[in-house]
Amino acid sequence: MCVDLIMTLEEKINAIEIFNDPVINSLIVEGKTDSIIYNKVIEDANLSDIEFDVVIAENKNEVLKFLKKKTDLNFIMILDTDLDRYYNRIIENDRVLYTHYYTLENYLVLPEVIDIASRYFSSRNNPYKDGNTILNYIYTNIHDFVLFYIANNYYGWGISFEKRSVGKYDFHINLKIDKEKLREDFEKCKSEKSISSDFNWDEFDKIYSNLTNSYNVNELFNGKITFDAVYFYFSNKYPTIMCNRNKNIFKADLAKYFINSPEGKEFGCQLKSKMQKYFQVKTAKEIYA
């Protein structure tokens, strides 16, 4: 792997247009928070014969605007699927590699990844639990938050979840969200967004059950939120090994376990295949010069 620079999409376009930047191979990714994960994927993909810049798009809107422009930038991009498959909004462009799940973070909270983490972190005093058991516990205890989030997408309310995490509703205290606090917040949102007062939680629970018959929860729910819940769970259950681990360190741990999983290997192969197809490959002489 040969990563020259990490820059924003705007900076990269300006570098080409103004400075005639000669390094035009660019891997475009969404958001700075994914860098820990894609760095691990890139390292594992063995891309020493390809030279490229990592270019960060601020959000998907910036990506969509970029794709409509004519540019000399030779690129491939990794995009979070979000609900694009559900709403049939997938961009038909072979240079675009979509995540299989809602976000890149959803790969970190797959049962097999959490299972590996539990094996590494467990001890005599804090015994191992399999990944499915841990995730079932978490999803059970953040269930109303999941309903709130998916209902917002389902009905198109436009409620921002940028500052809403499981921690806002006290999950970090006893590994259960405060349902009363969450529902008070929802009532406030209903007033602000003029949401119909007849919204029924039990009714939407049935809709959610129908959705999960056709879709994996990782295709419907933002993995960034689940990751936070997993972090709080591990901090509570494995306090000794987690005491010096902030979220970024823990994310790097899970990213390492992910790239060694079957889905991680598949994702890395897809990325490498696109790079070899669209990026110039250096000769052996150039690599060892």
C-alpha atoms as a PDB file:
ATOM      1  CA  MET A   1       0.000   0.000   0.000  1.00  0.00           C
ATOM      2  CA  CYS A   2       1.184   3.478  -0.801  1.00  0.00           C
ATOM      3  CA  VAL A   3      -1.072   6.201   0.621  1.00  0.00           C
ATOM      4  CA  ASP A   4       0.296   9.605  -0.270  1.00  0.00           C
ATOM      5  CA  LEU A   5      -2.093  11.983   1.457  1.00  0.00           C
ATOM      6  CA  ILE A   6      -5.360  12.197   3.336  1.00  0.00           C
ATOM      7  CA  MET A   7      -7.395  15.231   2.287  1.00  0.00           C
ATOM      8  CA  THR A   8     -10.944  16.425   1.816  1.00  0.00           C
ATOM      9  CA  LEU A   9     -12.754  16.016  -1.487  1.00  0.00           C
ATOM     10  CA  GLU A  10     -12.802  19.804  -1.952  1.00  0.00           C
ATOM     11  CA  GLU A  11      -9.031  20.003  -1.341  1.00  0.00           C
ATOM     12  CA  LYS A  12      -8.382  17.207  -3.836  1.00  0.00           C
ATOM     13  CA  ILE A  13     -10.464  18.794  -6.587  1.00  0.00           C
ATOM     14  CA  ASN A  14      -8.761  22.151  -5.983  1.00  0.00           C
ATOM     15  CA  ALA A  15      -5.337  20.494  -6.111  1.00  0.00           C
ATOM     16  CA  ILE A  16      -6.113  19.091  -9.554  1.00  0.00           C
ATOM     17  CA  GLU A  17      -7.696  22.243 -10.965  1.00  0.00           C
ATOM     18  CA  ILE A  18      -5.258  24.771  -9.508  1.00  0.00           C
ATOM     19  CA  PHE A  19      -1.979  22.942  -8.973  1.00  0.00           C
ATOM     20  CA  ASN A  20      -2.283  20.198 -11.594  1.00  0.00           C
ATOM     21  CA  ASP A  21      -1.726  17.571  -8.899  1.00  0.00           C
ATOM     22  CA  PRO A  22      -0.013  14.577 -10.563  1.00  0.00           C
ATOM     23  CA  VAL A  23      -1.254  11.975  -8.051  1.00  0.00           C
ATOM     24  CA  ILE A  24      -4.778  11.425  -9.325  1.00  0.00           C
ATOM     25  CA  ASN A  25      -5.655   7.958  -7.995  1.00  0.00           C
ATOM     26  CA  SER A  26      -8.100   8.655  -5.156  1.00  0.00           C
ATOM     27  CA  LEU A  27     -10.038   6.473  -2.739  1.00  0.00           C
ATOM     28  CA  ILE A  28     -13.039   8.563  -1.667  1.00  0.00           C
ATOM     29  CA  VAL A  29     -14.674   7.688   1.647  1.00  0.00           C
ATOM     30  CA  GLU A  30     -17.533   9.163   3.659  1.00  0.00           C
ATOM     31  CA  GLY A  31     -16.576  11.006   6.831  1.00  0.00           C
ATOM     32  CA  LYS A  32     -13.504  11.079   9.054  1.00  0.00           C
ATOM     33  CA  THR A  33     -14.927   8.681  11.640  1.00  0.00           C
ATOM     34  CA  ASP A  34     -14.537   5.698   9.274  1.00  0.00           C
ATOM     35  CA  SER A  35     -10.773   6.217   8.906  1.00  0.00           C
ATOM     36  CA  ILE A  36      -9.879   3.719  11.641  1.00  0.00           C
ATOM     37  CA  ILE A  37     -11.805   0.997   9.828  1.00  0.00           C
ATOM     38  CA  TYR A  38     -10.812   1.587   6.218  1.00  0.00           C
ATOM     39  CA  ASN A  39      -7.157   2.004   7.213  1.00  0.00           C
ATOM     40  CA  LYS A  40      -7.262  -1.544   8.585  1.00  0.00           C
ATOM     41  CA  VAL A  41      -9.012  -2.813   5.436  1.00  0.00           C
ATOM     42  CA  ILE A  42      -6.446  -1.085   3.194  1.00  0.00           C
ATOM     43  CA  GLU A  43      -3.506  -2.451   5.206  1.00  0.00           C
ATOM     44  CA  ASP A  44      -4.872  -5.984   5.037  1.00  0.00           C
ATOM     45  CA  ALA A  45      -5.599  -5.811   1.294  1.00  0.00           C
ATOM     46  CA  ASN A  46      -1.845  -5.760   0.409  1.00  0.00           C
ATOM     47  CA  LEU A  47      -1.910  -2.825  -2.002  1.00  0.00           C
ATOM     48  CA  SER A  48       1.815  -2.092  -2.150  1.00  0.00           C
ATOM     49  CA  ASP A  49       1.725  -1.861  -5.963  1.00  0.00           C
ATOM     50  CA  ILE A  50      -0.906   0.920  -6.005  1.00  0.00           C
ATOM     51  CA  GLU A  51      -0.338   4.574  -5.196  1.00  0.00           C
ATOM     52  CA  PHE A  52      -3.354   6.633  -4.148  1.00  0.00           C
ATOM     53  CA  ASP A  53      -4.666   9.402  -1.934  1.00  0.00           C
ATOM     54  CA  VAL A  54      -7.403   8.876   0.643  1.00  0.00           C
ATOM     55  CA  VAL A  55     -10.021  11.582   0.068  1.00  0.00           C
ATOM     56  CA  ILE A  56     -12.706  12.311   2.643  1.00  0.00           C
ATOM     57  CA  ALA A  57     -16.157  13.482   1.573  1.00  0.00           C
ATOM     58  CA  GLU A  58     -18.038  15.409   4.237  1.00  0.00           C
ATOM     59  CA  ASN A  59     -21.301  13.558   3.597  1.00  0.00           C
ATOM     60  CA  LYS A  60     -23.289  11.739   0.930  1.00  0.00           C
ATOM     61  CA  ASN A  61     -24.711  14.970  -0.492  1.00  0.00           C
ATOM     62  CA  GLU A  62     -21.171  16.106  -1.308  1.00  0.00           C
ATOM     63  CA  VAL A  63     -20.561  12.758  -3.022  1.00  0.00           C
ATOM     64  CA  LEU A  64     -23.704  13.066  -5.123  1.00  0.00           C
ATOM     65  CA  LYS A  65     -22.736  16.578  -6.241  1.00  0.00           C
ATOM     66  CA  PHE A  66     -19.243  15.341  -7.123  1.00  0.00           C
ATOM     67  CA  LEU A  67     -20.597  12.487  -9.254  1.00  0.00           C
ATOM     68  CA  LYS A  68     -22.596  14.967 -11.352  1.00  0.00           C
ATOM     69  CA  LYS A  69     -19.478  17.006 -12.182  1.00  0.00           C
ATOM     70  CA  LYS A  70     -16.934  16.373 -14.908  1.00  0.00           C
ATOM     71  CA  THR A  71     -13.516  15.837 -13.351  1.00  0.00           C
ATOM     72  CA  ASP A  72     -10.061  14.466 -14.173  1.00  0.00           C
ATOM     73  CA  LEU A  73     -10.002  12.707 -10.812  1.00  0.00           C
ATOM     74  CA  ASN A  74      -9.421   8.975 -11.180  1.00  0.00           C
ATOM     75  CA  PHE A  75     -11.379   7.581  -8.262  1.00  0.00           C
ATOM     76  CA  ILE A  76     -13.190   4.761  -6.606  1.00  0.00           C
ATOM     77  CA  MET A  77     -15.341   5.369  -3.549  1.00  0.00           C
ATOM     78  CA  ILE A  78     -16.712   3.533  -0.545  1.00  0.00           C
ATOM     79  CA  LEU A  79     -20.230   4.617   0.378  1.00  0.00           C
ATOM     80  CA  ASP A  80     -22.433   3.743   3.333  1.00  0.00           C
ATOM     81  CA  THR A  81     -25.563   2.077   2.011  1.00  0.00           C
ATOM     82  CA  ASP A  82     -27.799   3.749   4.620  1.00  0.00           C
ATOM     83  CA  LEU A  83     -31.318   2.978   3.335  1.00  0.00           C
ATOM     84  CA  ASP A  84     -30.422   3.342  -0.345  1.00  0.00           C
ATOM     85  CA  ARG A  85     -31.230  -0.288  -1.135  1.00  0.00           C
ATOM     86  CA  TYR A  86     -34.529  -0.093   0.743  1.00  0.00           C
ATOM     87  CA  TYR A  87     -35.546   3.017  -1.216  1.00  0.00           C
ATOM     88  CA  ASN A  88     -33.974   1.780  -4.477  1.00  0.00           C
ATOM     89  CA  ARG A  89     -31.520   4.714  -4.603  1.00  0.00           C
ATOM     90  CA  ILE A  90     -28.326   2.767  -5.310  1.00  0.00           C
ATOM     91  CA  ILE A  91     -25.960   4.703  -7.599  1.00  0.00           C
ATOM     92  CA  GLU A  92     -25.273   2.650 -10.705  1.00  0.00           C
ATOM     93  CA  ASN A  93     -21.547   3.293 -11.021  1.00  0.00           C
ATOM     94  CA  ASP A  94     -18.936   0.545 -11.048  1.00  0.00           C
ATOM     95  CA  ARG A  95     -16.464   2.843  -9.302  1.00  0.00           C
ATOM     96  CA  VAL A  96     -18.722   2.913  -6.228  1.00  0.00           C
ATOM     97  CA  LEU A  97     -18.338   0.186  -3.595  1.00  0.00           C
ATOM     98  CA  TYR A  98     -21.288   0.123  -1.230  1.00  0.00           C
ATOM     99  CA  THR A  99     -21.184  -1.316   2.255  1.00  0.00           C
ATOM    100  CA  HIS A 100     -23.432  -4.347   2.562  1.00  0.00           C
ATOM    101  CA  TYR A 101     -24.957  -2.887   5.722  1.00  0.00           C
ATOM    102  CA  TYR A 102     -26.223   0.528   6.829  1.00  0.00           C
ATOM    103  CA  THR A 103     -22.761   1.962   7.600  1.00  0.00           C
ATOM    104  CA  LEU A 104     -19.169   0.794   7.725  1.00  0.00           C
ATOM    105  CA  GLU A 105     -19.502   0.535  11.535  1.00  0.00           C
ATOM    106  CA  ASN A 106     -22.164  -2.154  11.122  1.00  0.00           C
ATOM    107  CA  TYR A 107     -19.380  -4.536  10.089  1.00  0.00           C
ATOM    108  CA  LEU A 108     -17.824  -4.017  13.532  1.00  0.00           C
ATOM    109  CA  VAL A 109     -20.959  -5.147  15.357  1.00  0.00           C
ATOM    110  CA  LEU A 110     -21.544  -8.383  13.468  1.00  0.00           C
ATOM    111  CA  PRO A 111     -21.931 -11.404  15.800  1.00  0.00           C
ATOM    112  CA  GLU A 112     -18.678 -13.011  14.615  1.00  0.00           C
ATOM    113  CA  VAL A 113     -16.691  -9.823  15.342  1.00  0.00           C
ATOM    114  CA  ILE A 114     -18.216  -9.360  18.798  1.00  0.00           C
ATOM    115  CA  ASP A 115     -17.612 -13.048  19.462  1.00  0.00           C
ATOM    116  CA  ILE A 116     -13.867 -12.664  18.786  1.00  0.00           C
ATOM    117  CA  ALA A 117     -13.729  -9.558  20.992  1.00  0.00           C
ATOM    118  CA  SER A 118     -15.448 -11.395  23.839  1.00  0.00           C
ATOM    119  CA  ARG A 119     -12.939 -14.256  23.595  1.00  0.00           C
ATOM    120  CA  TYR A 120     -10.008 -11.821  23.821  1.00  0.00           C
ATOM    121  CA  PHE A 121     -11.488  -9.734  26.618  1.00  0.00           C
ATOM    122  CA  SER A 122     -12.905 -12.485  28.824  1.00  0.00           C
ATOM    123  CA  SER A 123     -11.267 -13.735  32.004  1.00  0.00           C
ATOM    124  CA  ARG A 124     -12.030 -16.014  34.933  1.00  0.00           C
ATOM    125  CA  ASN A 125     -13.921 -13.214  36.654  1.00  0.00           C
ATOM    126  CA  ASN A 126     -15.539 -11.990  33.427  1.00  0.00           C
ATOM    127  CA  PRO A 127     -16.365 -15.127  31.434  1.00  0.00           C
ATOM    128  CA  TYR A 128     -16.791 -15.326  27.670  1.00  0.00           C
ATOM    129  CA  LYS A 129     -20.231 -14.850  26.106  1.00  0.00           C
ATOM    130  CA  ASP A 130     -20.832 -15.530  22.436  1.00  0.00           C
ATOM    131  CA  GLY A 131     -21.456 -12.644  20.049  1.00  0.00           C
ATOM    132  CA  ASN A 132     -25.126 -13.441  19.425  1.00  0.00           C
ATOM    133  CA  THR A 133     -25.869 -13.519  23.169  1.00  0.00           C
ATOM    134  CA  ILE A 134     -24.199 -10.126  23.682  1.00  0.00           C
ATOM    135  CA  LEU A 135     -25.970  -8.505  20.728  1.00  0.00           C
ATOM    136  CA  ASN A 136     -29.352  -9.975  21.656  1.00  0.00           C
ATOM    137  CA  TYR A 137     -28.929  -8.475  25.118  1.00  0.00           C
ATOM    138  CA  ILE A 138     -27.996  -5.084  23.668  1.00  0.00           C
ATOM    139  CA  TYR A 139     -30.795  -4.938  21.091  1.00  0.00           C
ATOM    140  CA  THR A 140     -33.338  -6.025  23.716  1.00  0.00           C
ATOM    141  CA  ASN A 141     -32.262  -3.215  26.017  1.00  0.00           C
ATOM    142  CA  ILE A 142     -32.145  -0.490  23.348  1.00  0.00           C
ATOM    143  CA  HIS A 143     -35.283  -1.713  21.591  1.00  0.00           C
ATOM    144  CA  ASP A 144     -37.279   1.511  21.957  1.00  0.00           C
ATOM    145  CA  PHE A 145     -34.328   3.506  20.620  1.00  0.00           C
ATOM    146  CA  VAL A 146     -34.180   1.189  17.576  1.00  0.00           C
ATOM    147  CA  LEU A 147     -37.920   1.717  17.035  1.00  0.00           C
ATOM    148  CA  PHE A 148     -37.528   5.496  17.365  1.00  0.00           C
ATOM    149  CA  TYR A 149     -34.685   5.530  14.811  1.00  0.00           C
ATOM    150  CA  ILE A 150     -36.334   3.249  12.260  1.00  0.00           C
ATOM    151  CA  ALA A 151     -39.726   4.940  12.624  1.00  0.00           C
ATOM    152  CA  ASN A 152     -38.023   8.257  11.868  1.00  0.00           C
ATOM    153  CA  ASN A 153     -36.696   6.803   8.606  1.00  0.00           C
ATOM    154  CA  TYR A 154     -39.886   4.894   7.812  1.00  0.00           C
ATOM    155  CA  TYR A 155     -42.177   7.923   8.163  1.00  0.00           C
ATOM    156  CA  GLY A 156     -39.629  10.500   6.979  1.00  0.00           C
ATOM    157  CA  TRP A 157     -39.929  12.747  10.043  1.00  0.00           C
ATOM    158  CA  GLY A 158     -36.493  14.283   9.548  1.00  0.00           C
ATOM    159  CA  ILE A 159     -35.434  14.047  13.205  1.00  0.00           C
ATOM    160  CA  SER A 160     -31.663  14.406  13.563  1.00  0.00           C
ATOM    161  CA  PHE A 161     -29.855  11.610  15.394  1.00  0.00           C
ATOM    162  CA  GLU A 162     -26.436  13.242  15.168  1.00  0.00           C
ATOM    163  CA  LYS A 163     -26.488  14.038  18.902  1.00  0.00           C
ATOM    164  CA  ARG A 164     -28.796  11.213  19.930  1.00  0.00           C
ATOM    165  CA  SER A 165     -26.985   8.117  21.124  1.00  0.00           C
ATOM    166  CA  VAL A 166     -27.740   5.392  23.633  1.00  0.00           C
ATOM    167  CA  GLY A 167     -25.700   7.398  26.139  1.00  0.00           C
ATOM    168  CA  LYS A 168     -28.227  10.259  25.918  1.00  0.00           C
ATOM    169  CA  TYR A 169     -30.761   7.840  27.377  1.00  0.00           C
ATOM    170  CA  ASP A 170     -28.412   6.498  30.102  1.00  0.00           C
ATOM    171  CA  PHE A 171     -27.526   3.116  28.584  1.00  0.00           C
ATOM    172  CA  HIS A 172     -23.976   3.525  29.909  1.00  0.00           C
ATOM    173  CA  ILE A 173     -25.242   3.570  33.515  1.00  0.00           C
ATOM    174  CA  ASN A 174     -26.872   0.158  33.801  1.00  0.00           C
ATOM    175  CA  LEU A 175     -26.903  -1.149  30.194  1.00  0.00           C
ATOM    176  CA  LYS A 176     -30.548  -0.273  29.697  1.00  0.00           C
ATOM    177  CA  ILE A 177     -31.937   2.830  28.063  1.00  0.00           C
ATOM    178  CA  ASP A 178     -34.204   5.007  30.168  1.00  0.00           C
ATOM    179  CA  LYS A 179     -37.466   4.468  28.273  1.00  0.00           C
ATOM    180  CA  GLU A 180     -39.182   7.345  30.036  1.00  0.00           C
ATOM    181  CA  LYS A 181     -36.421   9.764  29.045  1.00  0.00           C
ATOM    182  CA  LEU A 182     -36.455   8.512  25.448  1.00  0.00           C
ATOM    183  CA  ARG A 183     -40.232   8.798  25.119  1.00  0.00           C
ATOM    184  CA  GLU A 184     -40.177  12.294  26.630  1.00  0.00           C
ATOM    185  CA  ASP A 185     -37.621  13.235  23.972  1.00  0.00           C
ATOM    186  CA  PHE A 186     -39.847  11.689  21.306  1.00  0.00           C
ATOM    187  CA  GLU A 187     -42.856  13.697  22.507  1.00  0.00           C
ATOM    188  CA  LYS A 188     -40.750  16.857  22.258  1.00  0.00           C
ATOM    189  CA  CYS A 189     -39.772  15.895  18.694  1.00  0.00           C
ATOM    190  CA  LYS A 190     -43.424  15.252  17.817  1.00  0.00           C
ATOM    191  CA  SER A 191     -44.261  18.783  18.840  1.00  0.00           C
ATOM    192  CA  GLU A 192     -41.311  20.320  16.971  1.00  0.00           C
ATOM    193  CA  LYS A 193     -41.880  18.306  13.780  1.00  0.00           C
ATOM    194  CA  SER A 194     -45.711  18.376  13.914  1.00  0.00           C
ATOM    195  CA  ILE A 195     -45.806  14.574  14.001  1.00  0.00           C
ATOM    196  CA  SER A 196     -49.272  13.058  14.308  1.00  0.00           C
ATOM    197  CA  SER A 197     -50.208  12.519  17.938  1.00  0.00           C
ATOM    198  CA  ASP A 198     -51.712   9.106  17.161  1.00  0.00           C
ATOM    199  CA  PHE A 199     -48.336   7.413  16.613  1.00  0.00           C
ATOM    200  CA  ASN A 200     -48.564   4.049  18.335  1.00  0.00           C
ATOM    201  CA  TRP A 201     -45.405   2.343  19.638  1.00  0.00           C
ATOM    202  CA  ASP A 202     -47.026  -1.101  19.711  1.00  0.00           C
ATOM    203  CA  GLU A 203     -48.260  -0.713  16.153  1.00  0.00           C
ATOM    204  CA  PHE A 204     -44.841   0.297  14.927  1.00  0.00           C
ATOM    205  CA  ASP A 205     -43.323  -2.638  16.805  1.00  0.00           C
ATOM    206  CA  LYS A 206     -45.383  -4.860  14.483  1.00  0.00           C
ATOM    207  CA  ILE A 207     -44.127  -2.937  11.431  1.00  0.00           C
ATOM    208  CA  TYR A 208     -40.560  -3.344  12.720  1.00  0.00           C
ATOM    209  CA  SER A 209     -41.087  -7.100  13.104  1.00  0.00           C
ATOM    210  CA  ASN A 210     -42.265  -7.273   9.491  1.00  0.00           C
ATOM    211  CA  LEU A 211     -39.251  -5.258   8.319  1.00  0.00           C
ATOM    212  CA  THR A 212     -36.808  -7.558  10.122  1.00  0.00           C
ATOM    213  CA  ASN A 213     -38.405 -10.560   8.422  1.00  0.00           C
ATOM    214  CA  SER A 214     -37.034  -9.185   5.147  1.00  0.00           C
ATOM    215  CA  TYR A 215     -33.998  -7.213   6.319  1.00  0.00           C
ATOM    216  CA  ASN A 216     -31.175  -7.810   8.758  1.00  0.00           C
ATOM    217  CA  VAL A 217     -31.204  -5.251  11.592  1.00  0.00           C
ATOM    218  CA  ASN A 218     -27.749  -4.153  10.360  1.00  0.00           C
ATOM    219  CA  GLU A 219     -29.391  -3.082   7.093  1.00  0.00           C
ATOM    220  CA  LEU A 220     -31.977  -0.933   8.923  1.00  0.00           C
ATOM    221  CA  PHE A 221     -30.155   0.514  11.921  1.00  0.00           C
ATOM    222  CA  ASN A 222     -27.090   2.742  12.074  1.00  0.00           C
ATOM    223  CA  GLY A 223     -24.045   0.779  13.238  1.00  0.00           C
ATOM    224  CA  LYS A 224     -22.548   3.904  14.824  1.00  0.00           C
ATOM    225  CA  ILE A 225     -25.288   3.712  17.471  1.00  0.00           C
ATOM    226  CA  THR A 226     -24.871  -0.026  17.983  1.00  0.00           C
ATOM    227  CA  PHE A 227     -21.109   0.454  18.298  1.00  0.00           C
ATOM    228  CA  ASP A 228     -21.658   2.924  21.151  1.00  0.00           C
ATOM    229  CA  ALA A 229     -23.871   0.379  22.917  1.00  0.00           C
ATOM    230  CA  VAL A 230     -21.266  -2.365  22.410  1.00  0.00           C
ATOM    231  CA  TYR A 231     -18.555  -0.069  23.787  1.00  0.00           C
ATOM    232  CA  PHE A 232     -20.592   0.624  26.933  1.00  0.00           C
ATOM    233  CA  TYR A 233     -21.387  -3.084  27.294  1.00  0.00           C
ATOM    234  CA  PHE A 234     -17.728  -4.117  27.142  1.00  0.00           C
ATOM    235  CA  SER A 235     -16.716  -1.262  29.466  1.00  0.00           C
ATOM    236  CA  ASN A 236     -19.241  -2.563  31.991  1.00  0.00           C
ATOM    237  CA  LYS A 237     -18.557  -6.289  31.625  1.00  0.00           C
ATOM    238  CA  TYR A 238     -14.771  -6.182  31.113  1.00  0.00           C
ATOM    239  CA  PRO A 239     -13.693  -3.130  33.154  1.00  0.00           C
ATOM    240  CA  THR A 240     -10.065  -4.151  33.709  1.00  0.00           C
ATOM    241  CA  ILE A 241      -9.088  -4.529  30.059  1.00  0.00           C
ATOM    242  CA  MET A 242     -11.333  -1.643  28.956  1.00  0.00           C
ATOM    243  CA  CYS A 243     -10.158   0.917  31.527  1.00  0.00           C
ATOM    244  CA  ASN A 244      -7.549   2.450  29.180  1.00  0.00           C
ATOM    245  CA  ARG A 245      -9.532   1.986  25.979  1.00  0.00           C
ATOM    246  CA  ASN A 246     -11.422   4.952  24.577  1.00  0.00           C
ATOM    247  CA  LYS A 247     -13.884   4.474  21.721  1.00  0.00           C
ATOM    248  CA  ASN A 248     -11.247   4.924  19.014  1.00  0.00           C
ATOM    249  CA  ILE A 249      -8.937   2.304  20.509  1.00  0.00           C
ATOM    250  CA  PHE A 250     -11.843  -0.106  20.915  1.00  0.00           C
ATOM    251  CA  LYS A 251     -12.945   0.609  17.342  1.00  0.00           C
ATOM    252  CA  ALA A 252      -9.438  -0.276  16.141  1.00  0.00           C
ATOM    253  CA  ASP A 253      -9.689  -3.556  18.081  1.00  0.00           C
ATOM    254  CA  LEU A 254     -12.969  -4.460  16.395  1.00  0.00           C
ATOM    255  CA  ALA A 255     -11.659  -3.373  12.981  1.00  0.00           C
ATOM    256  CA  LYS A 256      -8.728  -5.770  13.422  1.00  0.00           C
ATOM    257  CA  TYR A 257     -11.123  -8.620  14.233  1.00  0.00           C
ATOM    258  CA  PHE A 258     -13.382  -7.648  11.320  1.00  0.00           C
ATOM    259  CA  ILE A 259     -10.689  -7.797   8.626  1.00  0.00           C
ATOM    260  CA  ASN A 260      -9.888 -11.344   9.710  1.00  0.00           C
ATOM    261  CA  SER A 261     -13.522 -12.427   9.460  1.00  0.00           C
ATOM    262  CA  PRO A 262     -15.061 -13.906   6.278  1.00  0.00           C
ATOM    263  CA  GLU A 263     -17.035 -10.694   5.593  1.00  0.00           C
ATOM    264  CA  GLY A 264     -13.923  -8.604   6.205  1.00  0.00           C
ATOM    265  CA  LYS A 265     -11.897 -10.675   3.744  1.00  0.00           C
ATOM    266  CA  GLU A 266     -14.679 -10.391   1.159  1.00  0.00           C
ATOM    267  CA  PHE A 267     -14.902  -6.602   1.569  1.00  0.00           C
ATOM    268  CA  GLY A 268     -11.112  -6.283   1.255  1.00  0.00           C
ATOM    269  CA  CYS A 269     -11.116  -8.367  -1.933  1.00  0.00           C
ATOM    270  CA  GLN A 270     -13.865  -6.202  -3.450  1.00  0.00           C
ATOM    271  CA  LEU A 271     -11.888  -3.044  -2.689  1.00  0.00           C
ATOM    272  CA  LYS A 272      -8.642  -4.484  -4.061  1.00  0.00           C
ATOM    273  CA  SER A 273     -10.398  -5.650  -7.226  1.00  0.00           C
ATOM    274  CA  LYS A 274     -11.734  -2.163  -7.959  1.00  0.00           C
ATOM    275  CA  MET A 275      -8.358  -0.553  -7.275  1.00  0.00           C
ATOM    276  CA  GLN A 276      -6.597  -2.951  -9.618  1.00  0.00           C
ATOM    277  CA  LYS A 277      -9.230  -2.279 -12.266  1.00  0.00           C
ATOM    278  CA  TYR A 278      -9.216   1.522 -12.144  1.00  0.00           C
ATOM    279  CA  PHE A 279      -5.909   2.617 -10.594  1.00  0.00           C
ATOM    280  CA  GLN A 280      -2.521   2.606 -12.237  1.00  0.00           C
ATOM    281  CA  VAL A 281      -0.361  -0.162 -10.828  1.00  0.00           C
ATOM    282  CA  LYS A 282       3.320   0.470 -10.196  1.00  0.00           C
ATOM    283  CA  THR A 283       5.922  -1.878 -11.651  1.00  0.00           C
ATOM    284  CA  ALA A 284       8.234  -3.916  -9.406  1.00  0.00           C
ATOM    285  CA  LYS A 285      11.057  -1.535 -10.336  1.00  0.00           C
ATOM    286  CA  GLU A 286       8.998   1.458  -9.132  1.00  0.00           C
ATOM    287  CA  ILE A 287       8.008  -0.293  -5.902  1.00  0.00           C
ATOM    288  CA  TYR A 288      11.577  -1.152  -4.887  1.00  0.00           C
ATOM    289  CA  ALA A 289      13.266   1.939  -6.274  1.00  0.00           C
END
